[in-house]
Amino acid sequence: MGNAVKWKRYRQIANLSAPNNGWTKELNFISWNDWEPVYDIRTWNKDHSRYGKGVTLTAGELAVLRAVLLEKLP
């Protein structure tokens, strides 16, 4: 058997979308495999037992993204 991925969700920040497939795209503050918590955007099933591919951002990366979005978007 392969190694199971461990995760701990510290805070759900926002539901970003809810497609008709029963999964939700969420922004969470989460730790993967006991690493330092990061901001994480990915899809989750209803009971959070399965997840899809996503992207993780450190606090610094999230701050840069926020600044870019504020500058570039109308």
C-alpha atoms as a PDB file:
ATOM      1  CA  MET A   1       0.000   0.000   0.000  1.00  0.00           C
ATOM      2  CA  GLY A   2       1.118   3.565  -0.686  1.00  0.00           C
ATOM      3  CA  ASN A   3       1.551   6.210   1.941  1.00  0.00           C
ATOM      4  CA  ALA A   4      -1.684   7.950   2.871  1.00  0.00           C
ATOM      5  CA  VAL A   5      -1.741  11.715   2.675  1.00  0.00           C
ATOM      6  CA  LYS A   6      -2.491  13.315   6.035  1.00  0.00           C
ATOM      7  CA  TRP A   7      -4.260  16.642   6.197  1.00  0.00           C
ATOM      8  CA  LYS A   8      -5.753  18.858   8.848  1.00  0.00           C
ATOM      9  CA  ARG A   9      -8.076  21.694   7.959  1.00  0.00           C
ATOM     10  CA  TYR A  10      -7.647  24.549  10.421  1.00  0.00           C
ATOM     11  CA  ARG A  11     -10.157  26.907   8.872  1.00  0.00           C
ATOM     12  CA  GLN A  12     -12.560  26.942   5.960  1.00  0.00           C
ATOM     13  CA  ILE A  13     -12.301  30.457   4.557  1.00  0.00           C
ATOM     14  CA  ALA A  14     -14.753  30.374   1.639  1.00  0.00           C
ATOM     15  CA  ASN A  15     -16.760  28.235  -0.731  1.00  0.00           C
ATOM     16  CA  LEU A  16     -15.781  29.515  -4.170  1.00  0.00           C
ATOM     17  CA  SER A  17     -18.225  27.475  -6.257  1.00  0.00           C
ATOM     18  CA  ALA A  18     -20.577  24.538  -6.076  1.00  0.00           C
ATOM     19  CA  PRO A  19     -20.940  22.756  -9.422  1.00  0.00           C
ATOM     20  CA  ASN A  20     -23.840  20.339  -9.886  1.00  0.00           C
ATOM     21  CA  ASN A  21     -21.620  17.308  -9.211  1.00  0.00           C
ATOM     22  CA  GLY A  22     -21.880  17.559  -5.400  1.00  0.00           C
ATOM     23  CA  TRP A  23     -18.307  18.789  -4.926  1.00  0.00           C
ATOM     24  CA  THR A  24     -17.352  22.315  -3.833  1.00  0.00           C
ATOM     25  CA  LYS A  25     -14.332  24.407  -4.682  1.00  0.00           C
ATOM     26  CA  GLU A  26     -13.024  25.872  -1.429  1.00  0.00           C
ATOM     27  CA  LEU A  27     -10.360  28.122   0.003  1.00  0.00           C
ATOM     28  CA  ASN A  28      -9.057  26.575   3.212  1.00  0.00           C
ATOM     29  CA  PHE A  29      -6.169  27.039   5.634  1.00  0.00           C
ATOM     30  CA  ILE A  30      -4.791  23.519   5.803  1.00  0.00           C
ATOM     31  CA  SER A  31      -1.732  21.447   6.677  1.00  0.00           C
ATOM     32  CA  TRP A  32      -0.618  18.577   4.431  1.00  0.00           C
ATOM     33  CA  ASN A  33       1.461  15.771   5.979  1.00  0.00           C
ATOM     34  CA  ASP A  34       2.167  17.787   9.144  1.00  0.00           C
ATOM     35  CA  TRP A  35       3.847  20.611   7.186  1.00  0.00           C
ATOM     36  CA  GLU A  36       3.305  24.277   7.970  1.00  0.00           C
ATOM     37  CA  PRO A  37      -0.312  25.254   7.151  1.00  0.00           C
ATOM     38  CA  VAL A  38      -0.922  26.890   3.770  1.00  0.00           C
ATOM     39  CA  TYR A  39      -3.801  28.483   1.924  1.00  0.00           C
ATOM     40  CA  ASP A  40      -5.313  25.854  -0.325  1.00  0.00           C
ATOM     41  CA  ILE A  41      -7.767  26.042  -3.241  1.00  0.00           C
ATOM     42  CA  ARG A  42      -9.211  22.719  -4.414  1.00  0.00           C
ATOM     43  CA  THR A  43     -12.430  20.755  -4.813  1.00  0.00           C
ATOM     44  CA  TRP A  44     -13.811  18.577  -2.025  1.00  0.00           C
ATOM     45  CA  ASN A  45     -16.627  16.070  -1.899  1.00  0.00           C
ATOM     46  CA  LYS A  46     -19.548  16.667   0.442  1.00  0.00           C
ATOM     47  CA  ASP A  47     -18.077  14.976   3.538  1.00  0.00           C
ATOM     48  CA  HIS A  48     -14.472  16.090   2.869  1.00  0.00           C
ATOM     49  CA  SER A  49     -13.253  12.500   2.590  1.00  0.00           C
ATOM     50  CA  ARG A  50     -11.990  13.013  -0.997  1.00  0.00           C
ATOM     51  CA  TYR A  51     -10.374  15.931  -2.757  1.00  0.00           C
ATOM     52  CA  GLY A  52      -9.325  16.954  -6.247  1.00  0.00           C
ATOM     53  CA  LYS A  53      -6.214  18.609  -7.583  1.00  0.00           C
ATOM     54  CA  GLY A  54      -5.533  22.034  -6.217  1.00  0.00           C
ATOM     55  CA  VAL A  55      -3.036  24.762  -5.547  1.00  0.00           C
ATOM     56  CA  THR A  56      -1.409  25.751  -2.273  1.00  0.00           C
ATOM     57  CA  LEU A  57      -0.109  29.204  -1.404  1.00  0.00           C
ATOM     58  CA  THR A  58       1.968  30.453   1.493  1.00  0.00           C
ATOM     59  CA  ALA A  59       0.821  33.622   3.245  1.00  0.00           C
ATOM     60  CA  GLY A  60       3.437  35.565   1.258  1.00  0.00           C
ATOM     61  CA  GLU A  61       2.294  34.109  -2.065  1.00  0.00           C
ATOM     62  CA  LEU A  62      -1.327  34.857  -1.209  1.00  0.00           C
ATOM     63  CA  ALA A  63      -0.398  38.480  -0.425  1.00  0.00           C
ATOM     64  CA  VAL A  64       1.341  38.808  -3.804  1.00  0.00           C
ATOM     65  CA  LEU A  65      -1.667  37.284  -5.583  1.00  0.00           C
ATOM     66  CA  ARG A  66      -4.003  39.671  -3.769  1.00  0.00           C
ATOM     67  CA  ALA A  67      -1.887  42.674  -4.752  1.00  0.00           C
ATOM     68  CA  VAL A  68      -1.733  41.562  -8.390  1.00  0.00           C
ATOM     69  CA  LEU A  69      -5.477  41.003  -8.541  1.00  0.00           C
ATOM     70  CA  LEU A  70      -6.215  44.394  -6.984  1.00  0.00           C
ATOM     71  CA  GLU A  71      -3.862  46.079  -9.449  1.00  0.00           C
ATOM     72  CA  LYS A  72      -4.833  44.227 -12.629  1.00  0.00           C
ATOM     73  CA  LEU A  73      -8.574  43.619 -12.308  1.00  0.00           C
ATOM     74  CA  PRO A  74     -11.157  46.345 -12.852  1.00  0.00           C
END
